[in-house]
Amino acid sequence: MKNIGLIVLLVILVQGSMVSASSDSDSSGEILSLLKAQVEAWNRGDFEGFMAYYWESPDMTFQSGNQRLSGWDTLLKRYQTKYAGTQRGVLTFKDLETEILSEDIAYVLGRYHLEYPDAVREGLFTIIFKRFSQGWRIIHDHSSSGPTE
C-alpha cells in the first residue's frame, strides 16, 4: 500500500512539473511575441503601438544611463521627442533570454540594435514583465548603451 501511495505522489509531482514547464513555455512565447510586435511598431514609427506593451501607469519605471523616468506618459513623450523622424532608426532585438519567475512575473535579458544611415547604436536591456488581466506588460525597463565593437 505504501508503494502505491508513493507512486501516485510521484505521478502527481511529475505531471505538475510538466504543466509548469508547459506554462513557462507558453508565457515565454507570449512575451517574445510582444517584443516582436514592439519592434514592428517602432519600425513603423508607431510609438503608441510600441508603448502598448508597457504598463499604462504612473508607477511604470524606465532607467537608462543616469536617468530614471516614472510613468507611461513620460516614457511615451521621451520616445516621441528623442526619436522623432530620422532619429528613430531601425530597431532589432537579439540575444533574448526569458526567465519566468512565477505565474505573473518574468524578465527578459536582451540586446537592442538601432541602425541609422550613418551610425549604429547598441545596448543591453533588462525588462521586467507582470501579467495583468489584459496580458503581459512591462513594469520596468532598464536599458544601457555603449560603443559598438
N, C-alpha and C. Protein backbone atom coordinates (compact mmCIF):
# COMPACT_ATOMS: atom_id res chain seq x y z
N MET A 1 0.82 -1.21 0.00
CA MET A 1 0.00 0.00 0.00
C MET A 1 0.85 1.26 0.00
N LYS A 2 1.92 1.24 0.79
CA LYS A 2 2.79 2.41 0.84
C LYS A 2 3.39 2.70 -0.54
N ASN A 3 3.74 1.64 -1.26
CA ASN A 3 4.33 1.83 -2.58
C ASN A 3 3.34 2.46 -3.55
N ILE A 4 2.09 2.07 -3.49
CA ILE A 4 1.07 2.65 -4.37
C ILE A 4 0.91 4.13 -4.08
N GLY A 5 0.86 4.48 -2.80
CA GLY A 5 0.75 5.89 -2.43
C GLY A 5 1.95 6.69 -2.91
N LEU A 6 3.15 6.11 -2.81
CA LEU A 6 4.37 6.77 -3.28
C LEU A 6 4.34 6.95 -4.79
N ILE A 7 3.89 5.94 -5.50
CA ILE A 7 3.80 6.02 -6.96
C ILE A 7 2.81 7.10 -7.37
N VAL A 8 1.64 7.13 -6.73
CA VAL A 8 0.64 8.16 -7.03
C VAL A 8 1.21 9.55 -6.78
N LEU A 9 1.92 9.73 -5.67
CA LEU A 9 2.53 11.02 -5.35
C LEU A 9 3.56 11.42 -6.41
N LEU A 10 4.38 10.48 -6.84
CA LEU A 10 5.38 10.76 -7.88
C LEU A 10 4.71 11.16 -9.20
N VAL A 11 3.65 10.45 -9.57
CA VAL A 11 2.93 10.78 -10.80
C VAL A 11 2.37 12.20 -10.72
N ILE A 12 1.79 12.55 -9.59
CA ILE A 12 1.23 13.90 -9.42
C ILE A 12 2.33 14.95 -9.52
N LEU A 13 3.47 14.70 -8.88
CA LEU A 13 4.58 15.66 -8.93
C LEU A 13 5.12 15.82 -10.35
N VAL A 14 5.29 14.72 -11.07
CA VAL A 14 5.80 14.78 -12.44
C VAL A 14 4.83 15.53 -13.33
N GLN A 15 3.53 15.24 -13.21
CA GLN A 15 2.53 15.94 -14.02
C GLN A 15 2.53 17.43 -13.70
N GLY A 16 2.65 17.79 -12.44
CA GLY A 16 2.68 19.19 -12.04
C GLY A 16 3.87 19.91 -12.62
N SER A 17 5.03 19.26 -12.64
CA SER A 17 6.21 19.92 -13.20
C SER A 17 6.10 20.03 -14.71
N MET A 18 5.44 19.07 -15.36
CA MET A 18 5.24 19.16 -16.81
C MET A 18 4.29 20.29 -17.15
N VAL A 19 3.24 20.47 -16.37
CA VAL A 19 2.30 21.58 -16.60
C VAL A 19 3.01 22.90 -16.40
N SER A 20 3.83 22.99 -15.36
CA SER A 20 4.57 24.23 -15.08
C SER A 20 5.52 24.55 -16.22
N ALA A 21 6.25 23.55 -16.72
CA ALA A 21 7.18 23.78 -17.83
C ALA A 21 6.42 24.23 -19.08
N SER A 22 5.28 23.61 -19.33
CA SER A 22 4.46 23.99 -20.48
C SER A 22 3.95 25.42 -20.33
N SER A 23 3.52 25.77 -19.12
CA SER A 23 3.03 27.12 -18.84
C SER A 23 4.15 28.14 -19.01
N ASP A 24 5.36 27.80 -18.54
CA ASP A 24 6.51 28.70 -18.71
C ASP A 24 6.81 28.90 -20.18
N SER A 25 6.74 27.82 -20.95
CA SER A 25 7.00 27.91 -22.39
C SER A 25 5.96 28.79 -23.08
N ASP A 26 4.69 28.63 -22.68
CA ASP A 26 3.62 29.46 -23.24
C ASP A 26 3.85 30.92 -22.90
N SER A 27 4.21 31.20 -21.65
CA SER A 27 4.46 32.58 -21.23
C SER A 27 5.64 33.18 -21.96
N SER A 28 6.71 32.40 -22.10
CA SER A 28 7.88 32.88 -22.84
C SER A 28 7.50 33.21 -24.28
N GLY A 29 6.71 32.35 -24.89
CA GLY A 29 6.26 32.59 -26.26
C GLY A 29 5.42 33.85 -26.38
N GLU A 30 4.53 34.06 -25.41
CA GLU A 30 3.70 35.28 -25.41
C GLU A 30 4.58 36.52 -25.30
N ILE A 31 5.53 36.49 -24.38
CA ILE A 31 6.40 37.64 -24.16
C ILE A 31 7.25 37.91 -25.39
N LEU A 32 7.80 36.88 -26.00
CA LEU A 32 8.60 37.08 -27.22
C LEU A 32 7.75 37.64 -28.36
N SER A 33 6.49 37.23 -28.43
CA SER A 33 5.57 37.79 -29.44
C SER A 33 5.33 39.28 -29.20
N LEU A 34 5.20 39.66 -27.93
CA LEU A 34 5.02 41.08 -27.61
C LEU A 34 6.25 41.89 -28.03
N LEU A 35 7.43 41.35 -27.76
CA LEU A 35 8.65 42.06 -28.14
C LEU A 35 8.76 42.19 -29.66
N LYS A 36 8.35 41.16 -30.38
CA LYS A 36 8.34 41.24 -31.85
C LYS A 36 7.38 42.32 -32.32
N ALA A 37 6.20 42.38 -31.71
CA ALA A 37 5.22 43.41 -32.06
C ALA A 37 5.76 44.81 -31.74
N GLN A 38 6.50 44.93 -30.65
CA GLN A 38 7.11 46.22 -30.31
C GLN A 38 8.08 46.66 -31.40
N VAL A 39 8.94 45.77 -31.84
CA VAL A 39 9.91 46.10 -32.88
C VAL A 39 9.19 46.54 -34.15
N GLU A 40 8.16 45.81 -34.52
CA GLU A 40 7.40 46.16 -35.73
C GLU A 40 6.76 47.54 -35.59
N ALA A 41 6.19 47.83 -34.43
CA ALA A 41 5.57 49.14 -34.21
C ALA A 41 6.63 50.25 -34.27
N TRP A 42 7.76 50.05 -33.62
CA TRP A 42 8.83 51.04 -33.65
C TRP A 42 9.25 51.34 -35.08
N ASN A 43 9.46 50.31 -35.85
CA ASN A 43 9.96 50.49 -37.22
C ASN A 43 8.92 51.11 -38.15
N ARG A 44 7.65 51.09 -37.76
CA ARG A 44 6.60 51.82 -38.49
C ARG A 44 6.50 53.26 -38.03
N GLY A 45 7.20 53.61 -36.95
CA GLY A 45 7.09 54.94 -36.37
C GLY A 45 5.87 55.08 -35.47
N ASP A 46 5.35 53.96 -35.01
CA ASP A 46 4.16 53.92 -34.17
C ASP A 46 4.55 53.79 -32.70
N PHE A 47 4.86 54.93 -32.07
CA PHE A 47 5.31 54.90 -30.69
C PHE A 47 4.22 54.43 -29.73
N GLU A 48 2.96 54.78 -30.03
CA GLU A 48 1.86 54.31 -29.18
C GLU A 48 1.75 52.79 -29.26
N GLY A 49 1.93 52.24 -30.46
CA GLY A 49 1.93 50.78 -30.62
C GLY A 49 3.09 50.14 -29.88
N PHE A 50 4.25 50.77 -29.93
CA PHE A 50 5.41 50.29 -29.19
C PHE A 50 5.12 50.29 -27.69
N MET A 51 4.48 51.34 -27.22
CA MET A 51 4.18 51.50 -25.79
C MET A 51 2.99 50.67 -25.33
N ALA A 52 2.26 50.05 -26.25
CA ALA A 52 1.07 49.26 -25.88
C ALA A 52 1.40 48.12 -24.93
N TYR A 53 2.66 47.72 -24.90
CA TYR A 53 3.05 46.58 -24.07
C TYR A 53 3.73 47.01 -22.77
N TYR A 54 3.73 48.30 -22.51
CA TYR A 54 4.16 48.82 -21.21
C TYR A 54 2.92 48.98 -20.33
N TRP A 55 3.10 48.84 -19.05
CA TRP A 55 2.04 49.04 -18.08
C TRP A 55 1.65 50.51 -18.11
N GLU A 56 0.43 50.80 -18.46
CA GLU A 56 -0.01 52.19 -18.57
C GLU A 56 -0.35 52.71 -17.17
N SER A 57 0.71 53.11 -16.48
CA SER A 57 0.59 53.53 -15.08
C SER A 57 1.68 54.55 -14.77
N PRO A 58 1.40 55.46 -13.85
CA PRO A 58 2.46 56.38 -13.40
C PRO A 58 3.54 55.65 -12.61
N ASP A 59 3.30 54.39 -12.23
CA ASP A 59 4.28 53.61 -11.47
C ASP A 59 5.22 52.78 -12.34
N MET A 60 5.00 52.76 -13.66
CA MET A 60 5.92 52.07 -14.56
C MET A 60 7.23 52.85 -14.55
N THR A 61 8.37 52.13 -14.54
CA THR A 61 9.67 52.82 -14.49
C THR A 61 10.55 52.43 -15.67
N PHE A 62 11.42 53.37 -16.03
CA PHE A 62 12.39 53.20 -17.11
C PHE A 62 13.70 53.82 -16.65
N GLN A 63 14.79 53.09 -16.81
CA GLN A 63 16.11 53.61 -16.47
C GLN A 63 17.03 53.46 -17.66
N SER A 64 17.82 54.50 -17.90
CA SER A 64 18.83 54.46 -18.94
C SER A 64 19.90 55.47 -18.58
N GLY A 65 21.15 55.02 -18.67
CA GLY A 65 22.24 55.92 -18.29
C GLY A 65 22.10 56.36 -16.85
N ASN A 66 22.07 57.64 -16.65
CA ASN A 66 21.95 58.20 -15.31
C ASN A 66 20.55 58.76 -15.07
N GLN A 67 19.58 58.26 -15.80
CA GLN A 67 18.24 58.83 -15.74
C GLN A 67 17.21 57.76 -15.37
N ARG A 68 16.29 58.12 -14.50
CA ARG A 68 15.15 57.26 -14.16
C ARG A 68 13.88 58.04 -14.45
N LEU A 69 13.00 57.43 -15.22
CA LEU A 69 11.71 58.04 -15.53
C LEU A 69 10.61 57.20 -14.90
N SER A 70 9.56 57.85 -14.49
CA SER A 70 8.39 57.16 -13.97
C SER A 70 7.18 57.54 -14.79
N GLY A 71 6.40 56.53 -15.14
CA GLY A 71 5.13 56.78 -15.81
C GLY A 71 5.14 56.50 -17.30
N TRP A 72 4.04 55.91 -17.72
CA TRP A 72 3.83 55.57 -19.13
C TRP A 72 3.87 56.82 -20.00
N ASP A 73 3.15 57.86 -19.59
CA ASP A 73 3.09 59.09 -20.38
C ASP A 73 4.46 59.73 -20.54
N THR A 74 5.24 59.72 -19.47
CA THR A 74 6.58 60.31 -19.51
C THR A 74 7.47 59.58 -20.50
N LEU A 75 7.41 58.24 -20.50
CA LEU A 75 8.23 57.47 -21.42
C LEU A 75 7.78 57.66 -22.86
N LEU A 76 6.48 57.71 -23.09
CA LEU A 76 5.98 57.96 -24.45
C LEU A 76 6.49 59.30 -24.96
N LYS A 77 6.42 60.34 -24.15
CA LYS A 77 6.91 61.66 -24.57
C LYS A 77 8.41 61.62 -24.86
N ARG A 78 9.16 60.87 -24.06
CA ARG A 78 10.61 60.74 -24.30
C ARG A 78 10.86 60.14 -25.68
N TYR A 79 10.17 59.05 -25.99
CA TYR A 79 10.35 58.41 -27.29
C TYR A 79 9.94 59.33 -28.43
N GLN A 80 8.81 60.01 -28.28
CA GLN A 80 8.33 60.90 -29.34
C GLN A 80 9.28 62.06 -29.59
N THR A 81 9.92 62.55 -28.53
CA THR A 81 10.84 63.68 -28.66
C THR A 81 12.22 63.23 -29.13
N LYS A 82 12.79 62.25 -28.46
CA LYS A 82 14.17 61.84 -28.71
C LYS A 82 14.32 61.09 -30.03
N TYR A 83 13.28 60.39 -30.46
CA TYR A 83 13.40 59.52 -31.63
C TYR A 83 12.49 59.94 -32.78
N ALA A 84 12.17 61.21 -32.87
CA ALA A 84 11.30 61.71 -33.93
C ALA A 84 11.99 61.60 -35.30
N GLY A 85 11.21 61.32 -36.31
CA GLY A 85 11.71 61.32 -37.70
C GLY A 85 12.87 60.36 -37.91
N THR A 86 13.94 60.87 -38.52
CA THR A 86 15.10 60.04 -38.84
C THR A 86 15.90 59.63 -37.61
N GLN A 87 15.61 60.24 -36.47
CA GLN A 87 16.29 59.87 -35.23
C GLN A 87 15.81 58.53 -34.68
N ARG A 88 14.74 57.99 -35.25
CA ARG A 88 14.16 56.74 -34.76
C ARG A 88 15.06 55.55 -35.04
N GLY A 89 15.63 55.48 -36.22
CA GLY A 89 16.44 54.34 -36.59
C GLY A 89 15.60 53.09 -36.80
N VAL A 90 16.26 52.03 -37.23
CA VAL A 90 15.61 50.74 -37.43
C VAL A 90 16.02 49.85 -36.27
N LEU A 91 15.02 49.35 -35.54
CA LEU A 91 15.25 48.60 -34.31
C LEU A 91 15.22 47.10 -34.55
N THR A 92 16.14 46.41 -33.91
CA THR A 92 16.07 44.95 -33.79
C THR A 92 16.44 44.58 -32.35
N PHE A 93 15.88 43.48 -31.89
CA PHE A 93 16.25 42.90 -30.61
C PHE A 93 16.96 41.59 -30.91
N LYS A 94 17.97 41.28 -30.13
CA LYS A 94 18.63 39.99 -30.30
C LYS A 94 19.14 39.48 -28.96
N ASP A 95 19.64 38.26 -28.96
CA ASP A 95 20.17 37.60 -27.76
C ASP A 95 19.14 37.61 -26.62
N LEU A 96 17.89 37.34 -26.95
CA LEU A 96 16.82 37.39 -25.94
C LEU A 96 16.81 36.14 -25.07
N GLU A 97 16.73 36.36 -23.77
CA GLU A 97 16.62 35.27 -22.80
C GLU A 97 15.45 35.60 -21.88
N THR A 98 14.46 34.72 -21.85
CA THR A 98 13.32 34.94 -20.96
C THR A 98 13.46 34.04 -19.74
N GLU A 99 13.03 34.57 -18.62
CA GLU A 99 13.01 33.81 -17.37
C GLU A 99 11.66 34.05 -16.71
N ILE A 100 10.88 32.99 -16.57
CA ILE A 100 9.59 33.07 -15.91
C ILE A 100 9.83 32.81 -14.43
N LEU A 101 9.59 33.82 -13.60
CA LEU A 101 9.85 33.69 -12.18
C LEU A 101 8.65 33.13 -11.41
N SER A 102 7.46 33.44 -11.88
CA SER A 102 6.23 32.94 -11.27
C SER A 102 5.14 33.02 -12.32
N GLU A 103 3.94 32.69 -11.94
CA GLU A 103 2.82 32.74 -12.88
C GLU A 103 2.60 34.14 -13.44
N ASP A 104 2.97 35.17 -12.66
CA ASP A 104 2.68 36.55 -13.05
C ASP A 104 3.89 37.45 -13.22
N ILE A 105 5.10 36.95 -13.03
CA ILE A 105 6.29 37.79 -13.12
C ILE A 105 7.34 37.09 -13.99
N ALA A 106 7.96 37.88 -14.88
CA ALA A 106 9.02 37.35 -15.74
C ALA A 106 9.98 38.48 -16.06
N TYR A 107 11.16 38.10 -16.54
CA TYR A 107 12.07 39.12 -17.05
C TYR A 107 12.71 38.64 -18.34
N VAL A 108 13.18 39.60 -19.11
CA VAL A 108 13.86 39.31 -20.37
C VAL A 108 15.17 40.07 -20.36
N LEU A 109 16.24 39.37 -20.71
CA LEU A 109 17.53 39.99 -20.96
C LEU A 109 17.70 40.02 -22.47
N GLY A 110 18.29 41.08 -22.98
CA GLY A 110 18.50 41.13 -24.41
C GLY A 110 19.40 42.28 -24.82
N ARG A 111 19.53 42.40 -26.11
CA ARG A 111 20.34 43.44 -26.72
C ARG A 111 19.47 44.15 -27.76
N TYR A 112 19.52 45.49 -27.75
CA TYR A 112 18.83 46.22 -28.80
C TYR A 112 19.87 46.75 -29.77
N HIS A 113 19.44 46.94 -31.00
CA HIS A 113 20.30 47.41 -32.07
C HIS A 113 19.50 48.44 -32.86
N LEU A 114 19.95 49.68 -32.85
CA LEU A 114 19.32 50.75 -33.63
C LEU A 114 20.26 51.13 -34.76
N GLU A 115 19.79 50.95 -35.98
CA GLU A 115 20.62 51.23 -37.14
C GLU A 115 20.14 52.51 -37.82
N TYR A 116 21.09 53.40 -38.03
CA TYR A 116 20.86 54.67 -38.72
C TYR A 116 21.64 54.66 -40.01
N PRO A 117 21.34 55.57 -40.94
CA PRO A 117 22.09 55.59 -42.20
C PRO A 117 23.61 55.70 -42.00
N ASP A 118 24.04 56.43 -40.97
CA ASP A 118 25.47 56.65 -40.79
C ASP A 118 26.00 56.19 -39.44
N ALA A 119 25.22 55.45 -38.69
CA ALA A 119 25.67 55.04 -37.35
C ALA A 119 24.85 53.85 -36.85
N VAL A 120 25.37 53.23 -35.82
CA VAL A 120 24.68 52.13 -35.14
C VAL A 120 24.75 52.42 -33.64
N ARG A 121 23.66 52.18 -32.97
CA ARG A 121 23.61 52.32 -31.52
C ARG A 121 23.12 51.00 -30.94
N GLU A 122 23.87 50.46 -30.00
CA GLU A 122 23.51 49.19 -29.40
C GLU A 122 23.56 49.29 -27.89
N GLY A 123 22.86 48.39 -27.25
CA GLY A 123 22.92 48.32 -25.81
C GLY A 123 22.22 47.09 -25.29
N LEU A 124 22.31 46.93 -24.00
CA LEU A 124 21.68 45.81 -23.31
C LEU A 124 20.43 46.29 -22.60
N PHE A 125 19.52 45.36 -22.36
CA PHE A 125 18.33 45.72 -21.58
C PHE A 125 17.91 44.56 -20.69
N THR A 126 17.26 44.94 -19.61
CA THR A 126 16.57 44.01 -18.73
C THR A 126 15.16 44.57 -18.59
N ILE A 127 14.19 43.77 -18.96
CA ILE A 127 12.79 44.19 -18.91
C ILE A 127 12.07 43.27 -17.93
N ILE A 128 11.33 43.85 -17.01
CA ILE A 128 10.53 43.07 -16.07
C ILE A 128 9.07 43.15 -16.50
N PHE A 129 8.47 41.99 -16.66
CA PHE A 129 7.07 41.87 -17.07
C PHE A 129 6.22 41.42 -15.89
N LYS A 130 4.98 41.90 -15.89
CA LYS A 130 3.98 41.41 -14.95
C LYS A 130 2.74 41.07 -15.76
N ARG A 131 2.09 39.97 -15.40
CA ARG A 131 0.86 39.59 -16.11
C ARG A 131 -0.33 40.27 -15.43
N PHE A 132 -1.08 41.01 -16.23
CA PHE A 132 -2.30 41.66 -15.80
C PHE A 132 -3.47 41.00 -16.52
N SER A 133 -4.68 41.43 -16.23
CA SER A 133 -5.86 40.84 -16.89
C SER A 133 -5.78 41.02 -18.41
N GLN A 134 -5.15 42.09 -18.89
CA GLN A 134 -5.04 42.30 -20.34
C GLN A 134 -3.80 41.64 -20.93
N GLY A 135 -3.02 40.92 -20.12
CA GLY A 135 -1.85 40.20 -20.60
C GLY A 135 -0.56 40.71 -19.97
N TRP A 136 0.56 40.23 -20.50
CA TRP A 136 1.87 40.63 -20.00
C TRP A 136 2.15 42.09 -20.36
N ARG A 137 2.66 42.84 -19.38
CA ARG A 137 3.03 44.24 -19.59
C ARG A 137 4.37 44.51 -18.93
N ILE A 138 5.13 45.42 -19.52
CA ILE A 138 6.43 45.81 -18.97
C ILE A 138 6.18 46.77 -17.82
N ILE A 139 6.69 46.41 -16.65
CA ILE A 139 6.55 47.29 -15.49
C ILE A 139 7.85 48.03 -15.21
N HIS A 140 8.98 47.50 -15.74
CA HIS A 140 10.26 48.18 -15.56
C HIS A 140 11.16 47.82 -16.74
N ASP A 141 11.84 48.83 -17.27
CA ASP A 141 12.76 48.67 -18.39
C ASP A 141 14.06 49.36 -18.02
N HIS A 142 15.14 48.60 -18.02
CA HIS A 142 16.47 49.17 -17.75
C HIS A 142 17.31 48.92 -18.99
N SER A 143 17.62 49.97 -19.71
CA SER A 143 18.41 49.88 -20.94
C SER A 143 19.70 50.65 -20.77
N SER A 144 20.76 50.09 -21.34
CA SER A 144 22.04 50.78 -21.30
C SER A 144 22.66 50.71 -22.70
N SER A 145 23.40 51.72 -23.02
CA SER A 145 24.04 51.73 -24.33
C SER A 145 25.55 51.84 -24.15
N GLY A 146 26.23 51.45 -25.17
CA GLY A 146 27.68 51.53 -25.13
C GLY A 146 28.22 51.57 -26.54
N PRO A 147 29.50 51.70 -26.66
CA PRO A 147 30.09 51.74 -28.01
C PRO A 147 29.93 50.38 -28.69
N THR A 148 29.78 50.41 -29.99
CA THR A 148 29.70 49.14 -30.75
C THR A 148 31.11 48.66 -31.03
N GLU A 149 31.24 47.36 -31.17
CA GLU A 149 32.56 46.79 -31.41
C GLU A 149 32.78 46.55 -32.87
